[in-house]
């Protein structure tokens, strides 16, 4: 709804967010446009439309890039499998203490192939929810064919979540030019219940920020709100420290530096929404969006990053939040 969207976007501004990116249906698109037309958008909005809207959007000629600097449609979102925290992501190695349980697929290879081929033929950017390694492998198989059959110079197709990976999957993602966006806060927020489900060994190759960056992949990060809290400082904290709420270290080989974690939420995120020329960094020629923190995130102890207060959020040169 209009009021609900305005409330959650104001909360985003209070937490130091200047632009949100979400997968949306009709009601969310309408709410964002209503706020835009009323001049009441506190932050910018980027959207992937649910794949069910593809026929209607295509009939009207609406596809990637529709909109302006405030509200823009970037592509379509397709679902391959379930959730990490619910143990329904489609994986190749069964869940611990659950013999024979490998998660669930939300589609079949045939349906996914047909749908993605149709959308790719019409020039849409595909963002796919593919969480487990089995789902990721299926998505990459289909995208290899789609990008070959319907080549575009700069497609920027994405894998949303892209959680359980292997070295081989990371190499395929790099070679195909797929852009992964991984869970930011999950290690901290959900970590303690992930250990019994996946085991510490497999967690070394989940939320694989380090592997992606080292491979030269433009990886971004996200909250998947409401499945986890959206404050980006919690996510940066988790990506840098790789410790759970209870203080348990998990997957620490995937740790990144503070600057690298910030890039996942700024310049790399802007690239994934085709905004690298206008968002993501404070420099001449870009839009006047920035956040003022109460402490220097580069010098405080890493263990206190999520406690840094947001003093001010500025969007389009206007103060939209002040503590």
C-alpha atoms as a PDB file:
ATOM      1  CA  UNK A   1       0.000   0.000   0.000  1.00  0.00           C
ATOM      2  CA  UNK A   2       0.945   3.658  -0.349  1.00  0.00           C
ATOM      3  CA  UNK A   3       1.268   4.230   3.404  1.00  0.00           C
ATOM      4  CA  UNK A   4       3.072   0.956   3.994  1.00  0.00           C
ATOM      5  CA  UNK A   5       5.589   1.689   1.249  1.00  0.00           C
ATOM      6  CA  UNK A   6       6.196   5.206   2.568  1.00  0.00           C
ATOM      7  CA  UNK A   7       6.788   3.883   6.084  1.00  0.00           C
ATOM      8  CA  UNK A   8       9.266   1.170   5.112  1.00  0.00           C
ATOM      9  CA  UNK A   9      11.162   3.506   2.768  1.00  0.00           C
ATOM     10  CA  UNK A  10      11.448   6.101   5.537  1.00  0.00           C
ATOM     11  CA  UNK A  11      12.891   3.381   7.782  1.00  0.00           C
ATOM     12  CA  UNK A  12      15.385   2.592   5.030  1.00  0.00           C
ATOM     13  CA  UNK A  13      16.502   6.220   5.010  1.00  0.00           C
ATOM     14  CA  UNK A  14      16.875   6.143   8.797  1.00  0.00           C
ATOM     15  CA  UNK A  15      19.247   3.203   8.426  1.00  0.00           C
ATOM     16  CA  UNK A  16      21.467   4.865   5.855  1.00  0.00           C
ATOM     17  CA  UNK A  17      19.936   3.531   2.641  1.00  0.00           C
ATOM     18  CA  UNK A  18      19.598   5.907  -0.318  1.00  0.00           C
ATOM     19  CA  UNK A  19      18.333   3.419  -2.929  1.00  0.00           C
ATOM     20  CA  UNK A  20      16.437   0.142  -2.533  1.00  0.00           C
ATOM     21  CA  UNK A  21      16.174  -2.740  -4.996  1.00  0.00           C
ATOM     22  CA  UNK A  22      13.363  -5.274  -4.690  1.00  0.00           C
ATOM     23  CA  UNK A  23      11.345  -7.791  -6.674  1.00  0.00           C
ATOM     24  CA  UNK A  24       7.817  -6.497  -7.008  1.00  0.00           C
ATOM     25  CA  UNK A  25       4.274  -7.243  -8.059  1.00  0.00           C
ATOM     26  CA  UNK A  26       1.579  -4.880  -9.281  1.00  0.00           C
ATOM     27  CA  UNK A  27       0.747  -3.374  -5.869  1.00  0.00           C
ATOM     28  CA  UNK A  28       4.375  -2.499  -5.081  1.00  0.00           C
ATOM     29  CA  UNK A  29       4.903  -0.944  -8.507  1.00  0.00           C
ATOM     30  CA  UNK A  30       1.775   1.153  -8.035  1.00  0.00           C
ATOM     31  CA  UNK A  31       2.825   2.245  -4.518  1.00  0.00           C
ATOM     32  CA  UNK A  32       6.278   3.329  -5.728  1.00  0.00           C
ATOM     33  CA  UNK A  33       4.796   5.295  -8.611  1.00  0.00           C
ATOM     34  CA  UNK A  34       2.182   6.907  -6.361  1.00  0.00           C
ATOM     35  CA  UNK A  35       4.934   8.073  -3.986  1.00  0.00           C
ATOM     36  CA  UNK A  36       7.024   9.280  -6.921  1.00  0.00           C
ATOM     37  CA  UNK A  37       4.136  11.262  -8.396  1.00  0.00           C
ATOM     38  CA  UNK A  38       3.336  12.794  -5.000  1.00  0.00           C
ATOM     39  CA  UNK A  39       6.967  13.798  -4.476  1.00  0.00           C
ATOM     40  CA  UNK A  40       7.123  11.704  -1.310  1.00  0.00           C
ATOM     41  CA  UNK A  41       9.784   9.126  -2.136  1.00  0.00           C
ATOM     42  CA  UNK A  42      12.465   9.423   0.575  1.00  0.00           C
ATOM     43  CA  UNK A  43      14.849   7.096  -1.306  1.00  0.00           C
ATOM     44  CA  UNK A  44      15.282   5.850  -4.861  1.00  0.00           C
ATOM     45  CA  UNK A  45      13.661   2.582  -5.969  1.00  0.00           C
ATOM     46  CA  UNK A  46      14.891  -0.081  -8.390  1.00  0.00           C
ATOM     47  CA  UNK A  47      12.635  -3.021  -9.248  1.00  0.00           C
ATOM     48  CA  UNK A  48      12.568  -6.445 -10.851  1.00  0.00           C
ATOM     49  CA  UNK A  49       9.014  -7.405 -11.786  1.00  0.00           C
ATOM     50  CA  UNK A  50       7.781 -10.868 -10.883  1.00  0.00           C
ATOM     51  CA  UNK A  51       8.065 -13.190 -13.880  1.00  0.00           C
ATOM     52  CA  UNK A  52       4.252 -13.576 -13.898  1.00  0.00           C
ATOM     53  CA  UNK A  53       4.022  -9.970 -15.145  1.00  0.00           C
ATOM     54  CA  UNK A  54       6.164 -10.702 -18.211  1.00  0.00           C
ATOM     55  CA  UNK A  55       3.263 -11.200 -20.678  1.00  0.00           C
ATOM     56  CA  UNK A  56       1.567  -7.953 -19.663  1.00  0.00           C
ATOM     57  CA  UNK A  57       4.776  -5.916 -19.610  1.00  0.00           C
ATOM     58  CA  UNK A  58       5.868  -7.325 -22.947  1.00  0.00           C
ATOM     59  CA  UNK A  59       2.472  -6.586 -24.491  1.00  0.00           C
ATOM     60  CA  UNK A  60       2.933  -2.944 -23.491  1.00  0.00           C
ATOM     61  CA  UNK A  61       6.567  -2.800 -24.582  1.00  0.00           C
ATOM     62  CA  UNK A  62       7.812  -2.189 -21.032  1.00  0.00           C
ATOM     63  CA  UNK A  63      11.148  -3.816 -20.242  1.00  0.00           C
ATOM     64  CA  UNK A  64      14.524  -3.068 -18.640  1.00  0.00           C
ATOM     65  CA  UNK A  65      15.307   0.610 -18.191  1.00  0.00           C
ATOM     66  CA  UNK A  66      11.733   1.868 -17.974  1.00  0.00           C
ATOM     67  CA  UNK A  67      11.538   4.784 -15.509  1.00  0.00           C
ATOM     68  CA  UNK A  68      13.770   7.576 -14.245  1.00  0.00           C
ATOM     69  CA  UNK A  69      16.411   8.229 -11.576  1.00  0.00           C
ATOM     70  CA  UNK A  70      13.776   7.831  -8.838  1.00  0.00           C
ATOM     71  CA  UNK A  71      11.889   4.693  -9.924  1.00  0.00           C
ATOM     72  CA  UNK A  72      13.102   2.248 -12.542  1.00  0.00           C
ATOM     73  CA  UNK A  73      12.330  -1.268 -13.757  1.00  0.00           C
ATOM     74  CA  UNK A  74      15.559  -3.228 -14.244  1.00  0.00           C
ATOM     75  CA  UNK A  75      14.279  -6.654 -15.280  1.00  0.00           C
ATOM     76  CA  UNK A  76      12.312  -9.760 -14.367  1.00  0.00           C
ATOM     77  CA  UNK A  77      12.719 -12.156 -11.453  1.00  0.00           C
ATOM     78  CA  UNK A  78      12.384 -15.927 -11.773  1.00  0.00           C
ATOM     79  CA  UNK A  79      12.423 -18.446  -8.889  1.00  0.00           C
ATOM     80  CA  UNK A  80      14.414 -21.691  -9.023  1.00  0.00           C
ATOM     81  CA  UNK A  81      14.391 -23.017  -5.448  1.00  0.00           C
ATOM     82  CA  UNK A  82      13.610 -22.416  -1.789  1.00  0.00           C
ATOM     83  CA  UNK A  83      15.267 -20.717   1.162  1.00  0.00           C
ATOM     84  CA  UNK A  84      18.544 -21.156   3.021  1.00  0.00           C
ATOM     85  CA  UNK A  85      17.218 -20.536   6.528  1.00  0.00           C
ATOM     86  CA  UNK A  86      14.223 -22.840   5.894  1.00  0.00           C
ATOM     87  CA  UNK A  87      16.443 -25.633   4.513  1.00  0.00           C
ATOM     88  CA  UNK A  88      14.542 -25.711   1.236  1.00  0.00           C
ATOM     89  CA  UNK A  89      17.290 -24.411  -1.073  1.00  0.00           C
ATOM     90  CA  UNK A  90      18.074 -27.053  -3.726  1.00  0.00           C
ATOM     91  CA  UNK A  91      21.483 -28.512  -2.892  1.00  0.00           C
ATOM     92  CA  UNK A  92      23.607 -31.397  -4.183  1.00  0.00           C
ATOM     93  CA  UNK A  93      24.634 -32.660  -0.737  1.00  0.00           C
ATOM     94  CA  UNK A  94      21.789 -33.501   1.664  1.00  0.00           C
ATOM     95  CA  UNK A  95      21.098 -31.356   4.690  1.00  0.00           C
ATOM     96  CA  UNK A  96      22.820 -32.504   7.877  1.00  0.00           C
ATOM     97  CA  UNK A  97      20.734 -34.716  10.161  1.00  0.00           C
ATOM     98  CA  UNK A  98      18.096 -34.967   7.382  1.00  0.00           C
ATOM     99  CA  UNK A  99      18.935 -38.044   5.281  1.00  0.00           C
ATOM    100  CA  UNK A 100      17.615 -37.794   1.737  1.00  0.00           C
ATOM    101  CA  UNK A 101      16.595 -34.126   2.035  1.00  0.00           C
ATOM    102  CA  UNK A 102      18.061 -31.976  -0.731  1.00  0.00           C
ATOM    103  CA  UNK A 103      15.687 -28.998  -0.663  1.00  0.00           C
ATOM    104  CA  UNK A 104      13.072 -28.210  -3.299  1.00  0.00           C
ATOM    105  CA  UNK A 105      12.914 -26.765  -6.781  1.00  0.00           C
ATOM    106  CA  UNK A 106      10.255 -24.134  -7.455  1.00  0.00           C
ATOM    107  CA  UNK A 107      10.218 -24.985 -11.144  1.00  0.00           C
ATOM    108  CA  UNK A 108      11.246 -27.622 -13.656  1.00  0.00           C
ATOM    109  CA  UNK A 109      14.112 -27.342 -16.104  1.00  0.00           C
ATOM    110  CA  UNK A 110      11.593 -27.351 -18.963  1.00  0.00           C
ATOM    111  CA  UNK A 111       9.441 -24.520 -17.578  1.00  0.00           C
ATOM    112  CA  UNK A 112      12.461 -22.446 -16.575  1.00  0.00           C
ATOM    113  CA  UNK A 113      14.081 -22.874 -19.981  1.00  0.00           C
ATOM    114  CA  UNK A 114      10.947 -21.964 -21.918  1.00  0.00           C
ATOM    115  CA  UNK A 115      10.168 -18.913 -19.774  1.00  0.00           C
ATOM    116  CA  UNK A 116      13.702 -17.524 -19.687  1.00  0.00           C
ATOM    117  CA  UNK A 117      14.198 -18.064 -23.422  1.00  0.00           C
ATOM    118  CA  UNK A 118      11.007 -16.128 -24.184  1.00  0.00           C
ATOM    119  CA  UNK A 119      12.018 -13.247 -21.919  1.00  0.00           C
ATOM    120  CA  UNK A 120      15.606 -13.200 -23.208  1.00  0.00           C
ATOM    121  CA  UNK A 121      14.349 -13.085 -26.801  1.00  0.00           C
ATOM    122  CA  UNK A 122      12.461  -9.907 -25.914  1.00  0.00           C
ATOM    123  CA  UNK A 123      15.514  -8.242 -24.348  1.00  0.00           C
ATOM    124  CA  UNK A 124      14.672  -8.567 -20.647  1.00  0.00           C
ATOM    125  CA  UNK A 125      17.358  -8.774 -17.967  1.00  0.00           C
ATOM    126  CA  UNK A 126      16.875 -11.925 -15.870  1.00  0.00           C
ATOM    127  CA  UNK A 127      17.368 -11.959 -12.108  1.00  0.00           C
ATOM    128  CA  UNK A 128      16.967 -15.502 -10.820  1.00  0.00           C
ATOM    129  CA  UNK A 129      16.439 -16.652  -7.253  1.00  0.00           C
ATOM    130  CA  UNK A 130      18.915 -19.553  -7.221  1.00  0.00           C
ATOM    131  CA  UNK A 131      20.144 -20.351  -3.719  1.00  0.00           C
ATOM    132  CA  UNK A 132      21.552 -23.884  -3.549  1.00  0.00           C
ATOM    133  CA  UNK A 133      24.272 -25.295  -5.779  1.00  0.00           C
ATOM    134  CA  UNK A 134      21.839 -27.581  -7.620  1.00  0.00           C
ATOM    135  CA  UNK A 135      19.594 -24.628  -8.481  1.00  0.00           C
ATOM    136  CA  UNK A 136      22.558 -22.423  -9.426  1.00  0.00           C
ATOM    137  CA  UNK A 137      23.901 -25.088 -11.793  1.00  0.00           C
ATOM    138  CA  UNK A 138      20.508 -25.389 -13.526  1.00  0.00           C
ATOM    139  CA  UNK A 139      20.230 -21.619 -13.890  1.00  0.00           C
ATOM    140  CA  UNK A 140      23.727 -21.358 -15.365  1.00  0.00           C
ATOM    141  CA  UNK A 141      22.957 -24.138 -17.865  1.00  0.00           C
ATOM    142  CA  UNK A 142      19.902 -22.226 -19.066  1.00  0.00           C
ATOM    143  CA  UNK A 143      21.638 -18.841 -19.141  1.00  0.00           C
ATOM    144  CA  UNK A 144      24.542 -20.248 -21.128  1.00  0.00           C
ATOM    145  CA  UNK A 145      22.058 -21.257 -23.809  1.00  0.00           C
ATOM    146  CA  UNK A 146      19.964 -18.067 -23.544  1.00  0.00           C
ATOM    147  CA  UNK A 147      22.930 -15.699 -23.764  1.00  0.00           C
ATOM    148  CA  UNK A 148      24.296 -17.648 -26.727  1.00  0.00           C
ATOM    149  CA  UNK A 149      20.969 -17.749 -28.563  1.00  0.00           C
ATOM    150  CA  UNK A 150      20.026 -14.127 -27.804  1.00  0.00           C
ATOM    151  CA  UNK A 151      23.332 -12.274 -27.330  1.00  0.00           C
ATOM    152  CA  UNK A 152      23.404  -8.733 -25.953  1.00  0.00           C
ATOM    153  CA  UNK A 153      26.516  -6.646 -25.493  1.00  0.00           C
ATOM    154  CA  UNK A 154      25.957  -6.024 -21.771  1.00  0.00           C
ATOM    155  CA  UNK A 155      23.155  -8.273 -20.406  1.00  0.00           C
ATOM    156  CA  UNK A 156      24.039  -8.188 -16.672  1.00  0.00           C
ATOM    157  CA  UNK A 157      21.808 -11.159 -15.838  1.00  0.00           C
ATOM    158  CA  UNK A 158      21.870 -11.826 -12.098  1.00  0.00           C
ATOM    159  CA  UNK A 159      21.767 -14.643  -9.556  1.00  0.00           C
ATOM    160  CA  UNK A 160      19.890 -13.531  -6.452  1.00  0.00           C
ATOM    161  CA  UNK A 161      21.273 -15.126  -3.256  1.00  0.00           C
ATOM    162  CA  UNK A 162      23.702 -17.482  -5.052  1.00  0.00           C
ATOM    163  CA  UNK A 163      24.479 -18.935  -1.647  1.00  0.00           C
ATOM    164  CA  UNK A 164      25.963 -22.448  -1.843  1.00  0.00           C
ATOM    165  CA  UNK A 165      28.726 -22.424  -4.429  1.00  0.00           C
ATOM    166  CA  UNK A 166      31.821 -24.345  -5.460  1.00  0.00           C
ATOM    167  CA  UNK A 167      34.998 -23.078  -7.110  1.00  0.00           C
ATOM    168  CA  UNK A 168      33.675 -24.471 -10.397  1.00  0.00           C
ATOM    169  CA  UNK A 169      30.379 -22.580 -10.088  1.00  0.00           C
ATOM    170  CA  UNK A 170      32.226 -19.341  -9.329  1.00  0.00           C
ATOM    171  CA  UNK A 171      34.289 -19.823 -12.500  1.00  0.00           C
ATOM    172  CA  UNK A 172      31.153 -20.469 -14.585  1.00  0.00           C
ATOM    173  CA  UNK A 173      29.476 -17.373 -13.132  1.00  0.00           C
ATOM    174  CA  UNK A 174      32.549 -15.292 -14.022  1.00  0.00           C
ATOM    175  CA  UNK A 175      32.827 -16.739 -17.529  1.00  0.00           C
ATOM    176  CA  UNK A 176      29.118 -16.159 -18.274  1.00  0.00           C
ATOM    177  CA  UNK A 177      29.174 -12.635 -16.871  1.00  0.00           C
ATOM    178  CA  UNK A 178      26.407 -13.450 -14.374  1.00  0.00           C
ATOM    179  CA  UNK A 179      26.196 -10.977 -11.477  1.00  0.00           C
ATOM    180  CA  UNK A 180      25.624 -12.580  -8.062  1.00  0.00           C
ATOM    181  CA  UNK A 181      24.128 -10.702  -5.136  1.00  0.00           C
ATOM    182  CA  UNK A 182      24.588 -12.523  -1.842  1.00  0.00           C
ATOM    183  CA  UNK A 183      22.984 -12.333   1.591  1.00  0.00           C
ATOM    184  CA  UNK A 184      24.713  -9.635   3.628  1.00  0.00           C
ATOM    185  CA  UNK A 185      23.471 -10.077   7.227  1.00  0.00           C
ATOM    186  CA  UNK A 186      22.770 -13.835   7.147  1.00  0.00           C
ATOM    187  CA  UNK A 187      25.963 -15.054   8.801  1.00  0.00           C
ATOM    188  CA  UNK A 188      25.253 -12.845  11.793  1.00  0.00           C
ATOM    189  CA  UNK A 189      21.456 -12.988  11.898  1.00  0.00           C
ATOM    190  CA  UNK A 190      20.796 -16.623  10.881  1.00  0.00           C
ATOM    191  CA  UNK A 191      24.235 -18.136  11.404  1.00  0.00           C
ATOM    192  CA  UNK A 192      23.589 -20.085  14.588  1.00  0.00           C
ATOM    193  CA  UNK A 193      20.819 -22.131  12.972  1.00  0.00           C
ATOM    194  CA  UNK A 194      22.755 -22.580   9.723  1.00  0.00           C
ATOM    195  CA  UNK A 195      25.575 -24.519  11.383  1.00  0.00           C
ATOM    196  CA  UNK A 196      23.457 -27.602  12.224  1.00  0.00           C
ATOM    197  CA  UNK A 197      21.780 -27.486   8.790  1.00  0.00           C
ATOM    198  CA  UNK A 198      24.854 -27.137   6.585  1.00  0.00           C
ATOM    199  CA  UNK A 199      27.901 -27.922   8.721  1.00  0.00           C
ATOM    200  CA  UNK A 200      30.953 -25.740   9.158  1.00  0.00           C
ATOM    201  CA  UNK A 201      32.706 -27.197   6.122  1.00  0.00           C
ATOM    202  CA  UNK A 202      29.964 -26.235   3.673  1.00  0.00           C
ATOM    203  CA  UNK A 203      29.603 -22.809   5.301  1.00  0.00           C
ATOM    204  CA  UNK A 204      33.145 -22.062   4.097  1.00  0.00           C
ATOM    205  CA  UNK A 205      31.695 -21.837   0.566  1.00  0.00           C
ATOM    206  CA  UNK A 206      28.442 -20.047   1.341  1.00  0.00           C
ATOM    207  CA  UNK A 207      27.880 -16.273   1.008  1.00  0.00           C
ATOM    208  CA  UNK A 208      31.171 -16.478  -0.867  1.00  0.00           C
ATOM    209  CA  UNK A 209      32.140 -12.793  -1.062  1.00  0.00           C
ATOM    210  CA  UNK A 210      35.876 -13.537  -0.973  1.00  0.00           C
ATOM    211  CA  UNK A 211      35.781 -16.085  -3.791  1.00  0.00           C
ATOM    212  CA  UNK A 212      33.694 -13.838  -6.037  1.00  0.00           C
ATOM    213  CA  UNK A 213      35.875 -10.771  -5.484  1.00  0.00           C
ATOM    214  CA  UNK A 214      39.062 -12.743  -6.040  1.00  0.00           C
ATOM    215  CA  UNK A 215      37.597 -14.089  -9.299  1.00  0.00           C
ATOM    216  CA  UNK A 216      36.921 -10.542 -10.517  1.00  0.00           C
ATOM    217  CA  UNK A 217      33.131 -10.891 -10.296  1.00  0.00           C
ATOM    218  CA  UNK A 218      31.092  -7.732  -9.582  1.00  0.00           C
ATOM    219  CA  UNK A 219      29.272  -9.216  -6.602  1.00  0.00           C
ATOM    220  CA  UNK A 220      26.781  -7.178  -4.567  1.00  0.00           C
ATOM    221  CA  UNK A 221      24.967  -7.933  -1.293  1.00  0.00           C
ATOM    222  CA  UNK A 222      21.432  -7.579   0.010  1.00  0.00           C
ATOM    223  CA  UNK A 223      19.259  -8.255   3.069  1.00  0.00           C
ATOM    224  CA  UNK A 224      16.310 -10.131   1.503  1.00  0.00           C
ATOM    225  CA  UNK A 225      14.082  -8.222   3.925  1.00  0.00           C
ATOM    226  CA  UNK A 226      11.836  -9.322   5.621  1.00  0.00           C
ATOM    227  CA  UNK A 227      13.834 -12.569   5.826  1.00  0.00           C
ATOM    228  CA  UNK A 228      16.578 -10.609   7.594  1.00  0.00           C
ATOM    229  CA  UNK A 229      16.893  -7.018   8.863  1.00  0.00           C
ATOM    230  CA  UNK A 230      17.815  -4.459   6.197  1.00  0.00           C
ATOM    231  CA  UNK A 231      20.319  -2.118   7.967  1.00  0.00           C
ATOM    232  CA  UNK A 232      23.424  -2.220   5.746  1.00  0.00           C
ATOM    233  CA  UNK A 233      25.761  -1.715   8.705  1.00  0.00           C
ATOM    234  CA  UNK A 234      24.627  -5.074  10.100  1.00  0.00           C
ATOM    235  CA  UNK A 235      25.448  -6.618   6.736  1.00  0.00           C
ATOM    236  CA  UNK A 236      28.876  -4.980   6.510  1.00  0.00           C
ATOM    237  CA  UNK A 237      29.519  -6.200  10.072  1.00  0.00           C
ATOM    238  CA  UNK A 238      28.615  -9.762   9.049  1.00  0.00           C
ATOM    239  CA  UNK A 239      30.627  -9.747   5.826  1.00  0.00           C
ATOM    240  CA  UNK A 240      33.734  -8.466   7.603  1.00  0.00           C
ATOM    241  CA  UNK A 241      33.562 -10.511  10.799  1.00  0.00           C
ATOM    242  CA  UNK A 242      31.778 -13.733   9.714  1.00  0.00           C
ATOM    243  CA  UNK A 243      30.540 -14.396  13.238  1.00  0.00           C
ATOM    244  CA  UNK A 244      27.047 -15.296  14.446  1.00  0.00           C
ATOM    245  CA  UNK A 245      24.896 -13.573  17.069  1.00  0.00           C
ATOM    246  CA  UNK A 246      26.322 -16.019  19.590  1.00  0.00           C
ATOM    247  CA  UNK A 247      29.843 -15.088  18.523  1.00  0.00           C
ATOM    248  CA  UNK A 248      30.608 -18.326  16.658  1.00  0.00           C
ATOM    249  CA  UNK A 249      32.927 -17.946  13.647  1.00  0.00           C
ATOM    250  CA  UNK A 250      31.622 -19.523  10.430  1.00  0.00           C
ATOM    251  CA  UNK A 251      33.016 -19.510   6.919  1.00  0.00           C
ATOM    252  CA  UNK A 252      35.810 -17.143   7.868  1.00  0.00           C
ATOM    253  CA  UNK A 253      37.762 -17.911   4.693  1.00  0.00           C
ATOM    254  CA  UNK A 254      35.134 -15.739   2.943  1.00  0.00           C
ATOM    255  CA  UNK A 255      35.811 -12.623   5.045  1.00  0.00           C
ATOM    256  CA  UNK A 256      36.323  -9.345   3.205  1.00  0.00           C
ATOM    257  CA  UNK A 257      37.754  -5.987   4.221  1.00  0.00           C
ATOM    258  CA  UNK A 258      35.544  -3.099   5.319  1.00  0.00           C
ATOM    259  CA  UNK A 259      36.168  -1.264   2.046  1.00  0.00           C
ATOM    260  CA  UNK A 260      35.298  -4.386   0.044  1.00  0.00           C
ATOM    261  CA  UNK A 261      32.095  -4.881   2.040  1.00  0.00           C
ATOM    262  CA  UNK A 262      31.134  -1.251   1.428  1.00  0.00           C
ATOM    263  CA  UNK A 263      31.632  -1.763  -2.318  1.00  0.00           C
ATOM    264  CA  UNK A 264      29.113  -4.626  -2.252  1.00  0.00           C
ATOM    265  CA  UNK A 265      26.516  -2.112  -1.045  1.00  0.00           C
ATOM    266  CA  UNK A 266      27.599   0.902  -3.133  1.00  0.00           C
ATOM    267  CA  UNK A 267      29.550   0.770  -6.413  1.00  0.00           C
ATOM    268  CA  UNK A 268      28.903  -2.915  -7.134  1.00  0.00           C
ATOM    269  CA  UNK A 269      25.221  -2.601  -6.258  1.00  0.00           C
ATOM    270  CA  UNK A 270      24.952   0.438  -8.554  1.00  0.00           C
ATOM    271  CA  UNK A 271      26.487  -1.564 -11.398  1.00  0.00           C
ATOM    272  CA  UNK A 272      23.889  -4.290 -10.961  1.00  0.00           C
ATOM    273  CA  UNK A 273      21.064  -1.750 -11.375  1.00  0.00           C
ATOM    274  CA  UNK A 274      22.725  -0.092 -14.426  1.00  0.00           C
ATOM    275  CA  UNK A 275      23.438   2.981 -12.251  1.00  0.00           C
ATOM    276  CA  UNK A 276      27.234   3.009 -12.140  1.00  0.00           C
ATOM    277  CA  UNK A 277      27.349   6.394 -13.907  1.00  0.00           C
ATOM    278  CA  UNK A 278      25.030   8.065 -11.363  1.00  0.00           C
ATOM    279  CA  UNK A 279      25.047   6.147  -8.054  1.00  0.00           C
ATOM    280  CA  UNK A 280      27.410   4.251  -5.756  1.00  0.00           C
ATOM    281  CA  UNK A 281      30.138   6.805  -5.043  1.00  0.00           C
ATOM    282  CA  UNK A 282      30.490  10.460  -4.119  1.00  0.00           C
ATOM    283  CA  UNK A 283      32.076  12.132  -7.122  1.00  0.00           C
ATOM    284  CA  UNK A 284      31.478  14.874  -9.648  1.00  0.00           C
ATOM    285  CA  UNK A 285      28.693  14.154 -12.117  1.00  0.00           C
ATOM    286  CA  UNK A 286      26.822  11.659  -9.939  1.00  0.00           C
ATOM    287  CA  UNK A 287      23.570  12.164  -8.040  1.00  0.00           C
ATOM    288  CA  UNK A 288      23.897  13.828  -4.628  1.00  0.00           C
ATOM    289  CA  UNK A 289      23.108  10.785  -2.464  1.00  0.00           C
ATOM    290  CA  UNK A 290      25.216  10.130   0.631  1.00  0.00           C
ATOM    291  CA  UNK A 291      25.174   9.016   4.248  1.00  0.00           C
ATOM    292  CA  UNK A 292      26.921  10.562   7.254  1.00  0.00           C
ATOM    293  CA  UNK A 293      27.962   8.076   9.967  1.00  0.00           C
ATOM    294  CA  UNK A 294      28.617   8.939  13.602  1.00  0.00           C
ATOM    295  CA  UNK A 295      31.992   7.164  13.607  1.00  0.00           C
ATOM    296  CA  UNK A 296      34.690   6.377  11.056  1.00  0.00           C
ATOM    297  CA  UNK A 297      33.789   2.907   9.759  1.00  0.00           C
ATOM    298  CA  UNK A 298      37.379   2.445   8.545  1.00  0.00           C
ATOM    299  CA  UNK A 299      38.946   2.914  11.988  1.00  0.00           C
ATOM    300  CA  UNK A 300      36.473   1.567  14.582  1.00  0.00           C
ATOM    301  CA  UNK A 301      37.037  -2.017  15.751  1.00  0.00           C
ATOM    302  CA  UNK A 302      35.444  -4.419  13.266  1.00  0.00           C
ATOM    303  CA  UNK A 303      33.417  -5.951  16.094  1.00  0.00           C
ATOM    304  CA  UNK A 304      31.545  -2.641  16.599  1.00  0.00           C
ATOM    305  CA  UNK A 305      30.624  -1.806  12.985  1.00  0.00           C
ATOM    306  CA  UNK A 306      26.924  -2.577  13.408  1.00  0.00           C
ATOM    307  CA  UNK A 307      26.754  -0.193  16.384  1.00  0.00           C
ATOM    308  CA  UNK A 308      27.813   2.883  14.375  1.00  0.00           C
ATOM    309  CA  UNK A 309      24.940   5.408  14.365  1.00  0.00           C
ATOM    310  CA  UNK A 310      23.569   6.892  11.157  1.00  0.00           C
ATOM    311  CA  UNK A 311      23.661  10.665  11.657  1.00  0.00           C
ATOM    312  CA  UNK A 312      22.205  11.820   8.359  1.00  0.00           C
ATOM    313  CA  UNK A 313      20.919  10.482   5.025  1.00  0.00           C
ATOM    314  CA  UNK A 314      20.954  12.768   1.989  1.00  0.00           C
ATOM    315  CA  UNK A 315      19.136  11.936  -1.260  1.00  0.00           C
ATOM    316  CA  UNK A 316      19.217  14.215  -4.295  1.00  0.00           C
ATOM    317  CA  UNK A 317      20.938  16.864  -2.196  1.00  0.00           C
ATOM    318  CA  UNK A 318      18.153  16.942   0.401  1.00  0.00           C
ATOM    319  CA  UNK A 319      18.343  15.713   3.989  1.00  0.00           C
ATOM    320  CA  UNK A 320      15.738  12.922   4.239  1.00  0.00           C
ATOM    321  CA  UNK A 321      16.815  11.753   7.705  1.00  0.00           C
ATOM    322  CA  UNK A 322      18.710  13.399  10.561  1.00  0.00           C
ATOM    323  CA  UNK A 323      19.291  11.751  13.932  1.00  0.00           C
END
